Amino acid sequence: MEIRIFQIVVPLLSLIFVLGLATRYQKGRINLRECTFSVLFWVSLAVFSIFPDAISSFVARVFGIADNVNAVIFLGMGILVYLIFMLYGEVRENRKQVTELARKIALRDADKDAEE
């Protein structure tokens, strides 16, 4: 097996990012869910960069796709669609919280105006 430069660089960068995530988690800047998801992402990326041919061939066999590159592209697109769906849920939740907060502020201001 020939070792290519990205097989060294990507795992090292992943390790740096994982250490940064651990530091951010310890300082309370991110929660456990964010930390776990991010660590899984970086570890997966490191493993994929170390064994790219074996993993892409496995994914191609599992999904019945003839070409390794197409399998990786389809898998990546599936992950992106899932992440967009999750972000959409977060945006909806944030929008709901902003609306609730605006209502509370409006009611508080209305009470202050009524007292004066």
N, C-alpha and C. Protein backbone atom coordinates (compact mmCIF):
# COMPACT_ATOMS: atom_id res chain seq x y z
N MET A 1 0.84 -1.18 0.00
CA MET A 1 0.00 0.00 0.00
C MET A 1 0.88 1.24 0.00
N GLU A 2 0.64 2.09 -0.95
CA GLU A 2 1.39 3.34 -1.08
C GLU A 2 0.78 4.39 -0.16
N ILE A 3 1.61 5.05 0.61
CA ILE A 3 1.12 6.11 1.51
C ILE A 3 1.24 7.44 0.78
N ARG A 4 0.09 8.13 0.71
CA ARG A 4 0.05 9.44 0.06
C ARG A 4 0.04 10.52 1.13
N ILE A 5 0.38 11.73 0.73
CA ILE A 5 0.56 12.83 1.68
C ILE A 5 -0.72 13.11 2.47
N PHE A 6 -1.89 13.02 1.83
CA PHE A 6 -3.13 13.32 2.55
C PHE A 6 -3.41 12.29 3.64
N GLN A 7 -2.85 11.07 3.49
CA GLN A 7 -3.04 10.05 4.51
C GLN A 7 -2.27 10.36 5.79
N ILE A 8 -1.38 11.29 5.73
CA ILE A 8 -0.65 11.75 6.92
C ILE A 8 -1.24 13.06 7.42
N VAL A 9 -1.51 13.98 6.50
CA VAL A 9 -1.96 15.33 6.87
C VAL A 9 -3.36 15.31 7.48
N VAL A 10 -4.30 14.62 6.85
CA VAL A 10 -5.69 14.64 7.32
C VAL A 10 -5.83 14.05 8.73
N PRO A 11 -5.25 12.90 9.05
CA PRO A 11 -5.35 12.42 10.43
C PRO A 11 -4.72 13.38 11.46
N LEU A 12 -3.61 14.02 11.09
CA LEU A 12 -2.99 14.99 12.00
C LEU A 12 -3.90 16.19 12.23
N LEU A 13 -4.49 16.70 11.15
CA LEU A 13 -5.44 17.81 11.29
C LEU A 13 -6.66 17.39 12.09
N SER A 14 -7.13 16.18 11.86
CA SER A 14 -8.27 15.67 12.62
C SER A 14 -7.95 15.60 14.11
N LEU A 15 -6.75 15.15 14.42
CA LEU A 15 -6.34 15.09 15.83
C LEU A 15 -6.32 16.48 16.45
N ILE A 16 -5.83 17.46 15.72
CA ILE A 16 -5.80 18.83 16.23
C ILE A 16 -7.22 19.33 16.49
N PHE A 17 -8.13 19.07 15.54
CA PHE A 17 -9.51 19.50 15.71
C PHE A 17 -10.19 18.79 16.88
N VAL A 18 -9.91 17.50 17.06
CA VAL A 18 -10.50 16.75 18.19
C VAL A 18 -9.99 17.31 19.51
N LEU A 19 -8.70 17.63 19.59
CA LEU A 19 -8.17 18.23 20.81
C LEU A 19 -8.80 19.59 21.08
N GLY A 20 -9.01 20.37 20.01
CA GLY A 20 -9.69 21.65 20.15
C GLY A 20 -11.12 21.49 20.64
N LEU A 21 -11.80 20.47 20.13
CA LEU A 21 -13.16 20.20 20.57
C LEU A 21 -13.20 19.81 22.04
N ALA A 22 -12.25 18.99 22.46
CA ALA A 22 -12.19 18.59 23.86
C ALA A 22 -11.97 19.80 24.77
N THR A 23 -11.13 20.72 24.34
CA THR A 23 -10.88 21.94 25.11
C THR A 23 -12.14 22.79 25.18
N ARG A 24 -12.82 22.95 24.04
CA ARG A 24 -14.04 23.74 24.02
C ARG A 24 -15.12 23.11 24.90
N TYR A 25 -15.20 21.78 24.91
CA TYR A 25 -16.18 21.09 25.75
C TYR A 25 -15.87 21.30 27.23
N GLN A 26 -14.59 21.19 27.60
CA GLN A 26 -14.20 21.38 28.99
C GLN A 26 -14.50 22.79 29.47
N LYS A 27 -14.37 23.77 28.59
CA LYS A 27 -14.65 25.16 28.96
C LYS A 27 -16.14 25.49 28.90
N GLY A 28 -16.95 24.54 28.45
CA GLY A 28 -18.39 24.74 28.41
C GLY A 28 -18.88 25.52 27.21
N ARG A 29 -18.07 25.65 26.19
CA ARG A 29 -18.48 26.40 24.99
C ARG A 29 -19.37 25.58 24.07
N ILE A 30 -19.26 24.25 24.13
CA ILE A 30 -20.14 23.37 23.35
C ILE A 30 -20.68 22.30 24.29
N ASN A 31 -21.84 21.75 23.92
CA ASN A 31 -22.42 20.71 24.76
C ASN A 31 -21.93 19.32 24.33
N LEU A 32 -22.35 18.30 25.06
CA LEU A 32 -21.87 16.94 24.81
C LEU A 32 -22.31 16.44 23.44
N ARG A 33 -23.52 16.78 23.04
CA ARG A 33 -24.02 16.33 21.72
C ARG A 33 -23.17 16.90 20.60
N GLU A 34 -22.89 18.19 20.65
CA GLU A 34 -22.06 18.82 19.62
C GLU A 34 -20.66 18.23 19.61
N CYS A 35 -20.11 18.02 20.79
CA CYS A 35 -18.77 17.47 20.90
C CYS A 35 -18.71 16.05 20.33
N THR A 36 -19.68 15.23 20.69
CA THR A 36 -19.70 13.84 20.23
C THR A 36 -19.85 13.77 18.72
N PHE A 37 -20.80 14.54 18.16
CA PHE A 37 -21.01 14.53 16.72
C PHE A 37 -19.76 15.00 15.98
N SER A 38 -19.14 16.06 16.47
CA SER A 38 -17.95 16.60 15.82
C SER A 38 -16.77 15.63 15.91
N VAL A 39 -16.60 15.01 17.06
CA VAL A 39 -15.50 14.04 17.21
C VAL A 39 -15.72 12.85 16.27
N LEU A 40 -16.97 12.37 16.18
CA LEU A 40 -17.25 11.26 15.25
C LEU A 40 -16.95 11.66 13.81
N PHE A 41 -17.30 12.90 13.45
CA PHE A 41 -17.01 13.37 12.10
C PHE A 41 -15.51 13.36 11.83
N TRP A 42 -14.72 13.95 12.73
CA TRP A 42 -13.28 14.06 12.50
C TRP A 42 -12.58 12.69 12.54
N VAL A 43 -13.03 11.80 13.42
CA VAL A 43 -12.44 10.46 13.46
C VAL A 43 -12.79 9.70 12.18
N SER A 44 -14.04 9.84 11.73
CA SER A 44 -14.45 9.18 10.48
C SER A 44 -13.63 9.70 9.30
N LEU A 45 -13.43 11.00 9.26
CA LEU A 45 -12.64 11.58 8.18
C LEU A 45 -11.20 11.07 8.22
N ALA A 46 -10.64 10.95 9.42
CA ALA A 46 -9.27 10.44 9.55
C ALA A 46 -9.18 8.99 9.09
N VAL A 47 -10.14 8.17 9.51
CA VAL A 47 -10.13 6.76 9.12
C VAL A 47 -10.31 6.63 7.61
N PHE A 48 -11.22 7.43 7.05
CA PHE A 48 -11.43 7.38 5.59
C PHE A 48 -10.18 7.80 4.83
N SER A 49 -9.46 8.77 5.37
CA SER A 49 -8.25 9.21 4.67
C SER A 49 -7.12 8.18 4.78
N ILE A 50 -7.13 7.39 5.82
CA ILE A 50 -6.09 6.36 5.97
C ILE A 50 -6.37 5.17 5.05
N PHE A 51 -7.65 4.78 4.93
CA PHE A 51 -8.04 3.63 4.11
C PHE A 51 -9.05 4.03 3.03
N PRO A 52 -8.72 4.94 2.13
CA PRO A 52 -9.73 5.44 1.19
C PRO A 52 -10.24 4.37 0.21
N ASP A 53 -9.35 3.56 -0.31
CA ASP A 53 -9.77 2.58 -1.31
C ASP A 53 -10.63 1.48 -0.70
N ALA A 54 -10.24 0.99 0.44
CA ALA A 54 -11.01 -0.09 1.08
C ALA A 54 -12.40 0.39 1.48
N ILE A 55 -12.49 1.59 2.04
CA ILE A 55 -13.79 2.10 2.49
C ILE A 55 -14.69 2.43 1.31
N SER A 56 -14.14 3.06 0.28
CA SER A 56 -14.98 3.40 -0.89
C SER A 56 -15.44 2.13 -1.60
N SER A 57 -14.62 1.10 -1.66
CA SER A 57 -15.03 -0.17 -2.27
C SER A 57 -16.14 -0.82 -1.45
N PHE A 58 -16.02 -0.77 -0.13
CA PHE A 58 -17.05 -1.33 0.75
C PHE A 58 -18.38 -0.61 0.56
N VAL A 59 -18.34 0.73 0.54
CA VAL A 59 -19.56 1.52 0.35
C VAL A 59 -20.19 1.21 -1.00
N ALA A 60 -19.36 1.09 -2.02
CA ALA A 60 -19.87 0.76 -3.36
C ALA A 60 -20.56 -0.60 -3.37
N ARG A 61 -19.96 -1.59 -2.71
CA ARG A 61 -20.57 -2.93 -2.65
C ARG A 61 -21.88 -2.90 -1.88
N VAL A 62 -21.90 -2.19 -0.75
CA VAL A 62 -23.11 -2.16 0.09
C VAL A 62 -24.28 -1.55 -0.67
N PHE A 63 -24.05 -0.46 -1.39
CA PHE A 63 -25.13 0.23 -2.09
C PHE A 63 -25.31 -0.25 -3.53
N GLY A 64 -24.50 -1.19 -3.98
CA GLY A 64 -24.65 -1.73 -5.32
C GLY A 64 -24.25 -0.76 -6.41
N ILE A 65 -23.30 0.10 -6.12
CA ILE A 65 -22.83 1.08 -7.10
C ILE A 65 -21.54 0.54 -7.70
N ALA A 66 -21.42 0.66 -9.01
CA ALA A 66 -20.29 0.04 -9.71
C ALA A 66 -18.96 0.75 -9.47
N ASP A 67 -18.99 2.06 -9.27
CA ASP A 67 -17.75 2.83 -9.19
C ASP A 67 -17.55 3.36 -7.76
N ASN A 68 -16.31 3.26 -7.27
CA ASN A 68 -16.00 3.74 -5.91
C ASN A 68 -16.24 5.23 -5.76
N VAL A 69 -15.85 6.00 -6.77
CA VAL A 69 -15.99 7.45 -6.69
C VAL A 69 -17.46 7.84 -6.61
N ASN A 70 -18.30 7.21 -7.41
CA ASN A 70 -19.74 7.49 -7.35
C ASN A 70 -20.31 7.14 -5.98
N ALA A 71 -19.84 6.06 -5.40
CA ALA A 71 -20.33 5.66 -4.08
C ALA A 71 -20.00 6.72 -3.04
N VAL A 72 -18.79 7.23 -3.09
CA VAL A 72 -18.39 8.27 -2.14
C VAL A 72 -19.20 9.54 -2.36
N ILE A 73 -19.43 9.91 -3.62
CA ILE A 73 -20.22 11.10 -3.93
C ILE A 73 -21.65 10.94 -3.41
N PHE A 74 -22.27 9.80 -3.67
CA PHE A 74 -23.64 9.58 -3.20
C PHE A 74 -23.71 9.57 -1.68
N LEU A 75 -22.75 8.95 -1.05
CA LEU A 75 -22.73 8.93 0.41
C LEU A 75 -22.57 10.35 0.96
N GLY A 76 -21.67 11.11 0.36
CA GLY A 76 -21.48 12.50 0.78
C GLY A 76 -22.73 13.34 0.60
N MET A 77 -23.41 13.13 -0.52
CA MET A 77 -24.66 13.87 -0.75
C MET A 77 -25.72 13.49 0.27
N GLY A 78 -25.79 12.23 0.61
CA GLY A 78 -26.74 11.79 1.63
C GLY A 78 -26.45 12.42 2.98
N ILE A 79 -25.19 12.49 3.34
CA ILE A 79 -24.81 13.11 4.61
C ILE A 79 -25.15 14.59 4.59
N LEU A 80 -24.89 15.27 3.47
CA LEU A 80 -25.21 16.69 3.36
C LEU A 80 -26.71 16.95 3.47
N VAL A 81 -27.52 16.11 2.83
CA VAL A 81 -28.97 16.28 2.94
C VAL A 81 -29.42 16.10 4.39
N TYR A 82 -28.86 15.11 5.08
CA TYR A 82 -29.20 14.90 6.48
C TYR A 82 -28.81 16.12 7.32
N LEU A 83 -27.62 16.65 7.10
CA LEU A 83 -27.17 17.81 7.87
C LEU A 83 -28.03 19.04 7.58
N ILE A 84 -28.44 19.22 6.34
CA ILE A 84 -29.32 20.34 6.00
C ILE A 84 -30.66 20.17 6.71
N PHE A 85 -31.18 18.96 6.76
CA PHE A 85 -32.42 18.70 7.48
C PHE A 85 -32.28 19.04 8.96
N MET A 86 -31.16 18.66 9.55
CA MET A 86 -30.93 18.96 10.97
C MET A 86 -30.81 20.47 11.18
N LEU A 87 -30.12 21.16 10.30
CA LEU A 87 -30.00 22.62 10.41
C LEU A 87 -31.35 23.29 10.26
N TYR A 88 -32.18 22.79 9.36
CA TYR A 88 -33.52 23.35 9.19
C TYR A 88 -34.32 23.23 10.50
N GLY A 89 -34.19 22.10 11.17
CA GLY A 89 -34.86 21.93 12.46
C GLY A 89 -34.36 22.92 13.49
N GLU A 90 -33.06 23.17 13.50
CA GLU A 90 -32.50 24.14 14.44
C GLU A 90 -32.98 25.55 14.13
N VAL A 91 -33.07 25.90 12.84
CA VAL A 91 -33.55 27.22 12.44
C VAL A 91 -35.00 27.40 12.87
N ARG A 92 -35.82 26.37 12.67
CA ARG A 92 -37.22 26.45 13.10
C ARG A 92 -37.31 26.65 14.61
N GLU A 93 -36.52 25.92 15.36
CA GLU A 93 -36.53 26.06 16.82
C GLU A 93 -36.08 27.45 17.24
N ASN A 94 -35.04 27.97 16.61
CA ASN A 94 -34.57 29.32 16.93
C ASN A 94 -35.61 30.36 16.59
N ARG A 95 -36.30 30.19 15.47
CA ARG A 95 -37.35 31.13 15.07
C ARG A 95 -38.48 31.13 16.09
N LYS A 96 -38.83 29.93 16.58
CA LYS A 96 -39.88 29.82 17.59
C LYS A 96 -39.46 30.53 18.88
N GLN A 97 -38.21 30.36 19.28
CA GLN A 97 -37.71 31.00 20.50
C GLN A 97 -37.68 32.52 20.37
N VAL A 98 -37.28 33.02 19.20
CA VAL A 98 -37.25 34.47 18.98
C VAL A 98 -38.67 35.04 19.03
N THR A 99 -39.63 34.34 18.44
CA THR A 99 -41.02 34.79 18.48
C THR A 99 -41.53 34.85 19.91
N GLU A 100 -41.24 33.80 20.67
CA GLU A 100 -41.67 33.77 22.08
C GLU A 100 -41.02 34.89 22.88
N LEU A 101 -39.76 35.13 22.66
CA LEU A 101 -39.06 36.20 23.35
C LEU A 101 -39.63 37.57 22.98
N ALA A 102 -39.90 37.77 21.70
CA ALA A 102 -40.47 39.05 21.25
C ALA A 102 -41.84 39.28 21.90
N ARG A 103 -42.63 38.24 22.03
CA ARG A 103 -43.95 38.37 22.68
C ARG A 103 -43.79 38.76 24.15
N LYS A 104 -42.86 38.11 24.84
CA LYS A 104 -42.64 38.43 26.26
C LYS A 104 -42.18 39.87 26.43
N ILE A 105 -41.29 40.30 25.57
CA ILE A 105 -40.79 41.69 25.66
C ILE A 105 -41.92 42.67 25.37
N ALA A 106 -42.75 42.36 24.37
CA ALA A 106 -43.86 43.25 24.03
C ALA A 106 -44.85 43.33 25.19
N LEU A 107 -45.15 42.20 25.82
CA LEU A 107 -46.07 42.22 26.96
C LEU A 107 -45.47 42.98 28.15
N ARG A 108 -44.17 42.79 28.38
CA ARG A 108 -43.51 43.51 29.47
C ARG A 108 -43.54 45.01 29.22
N ASP A 109 -43.25 45.42 27.98
CA ASP A 109 -43.28 46.85 27.64
C ASP A 109 -44.68 47.40 27.74
N ALA A 110 -45.68 46.59 27.37
CA ALA A 110 -47.07 47.05 27.45
C ALA A 110 -47.47 47.25 28.91
N ASP A 111 -47.01 46.36 29.80
CA ASP A 111 -47.30 46.50 31.23
C ASP A 111 -46.64 47.77 31.79
N LYS A 112 -45.41 48.05 31.36
CA LYS A 112 -44.72 49.26 31.83
C LYS A 112 -45.45 50.51 31.37
N ASP A 113 -45.94 50.51 30.11
CA ASP A 113 -46.68 51.66 29.58
C ASP A 113 -47.99 51.85 30.31
N ALA A 114 -48.64 50.74 30.71
CA ALA A 114 -49.92 50.82 31.41
C ALA A 114 -49.74 51.38 32.82
N GLU A 115 -48.60 51.10 33.46
CA GLU A 115 -48.33 51.60 34.81
C GLU A 115 -48.04 53.09 34.82
N GLU A 116 -47.54 53.60 33.74
CA GLU A 116 -47.17 55.03 33.70
C GLU A 116 -48.33 55.86 33.44
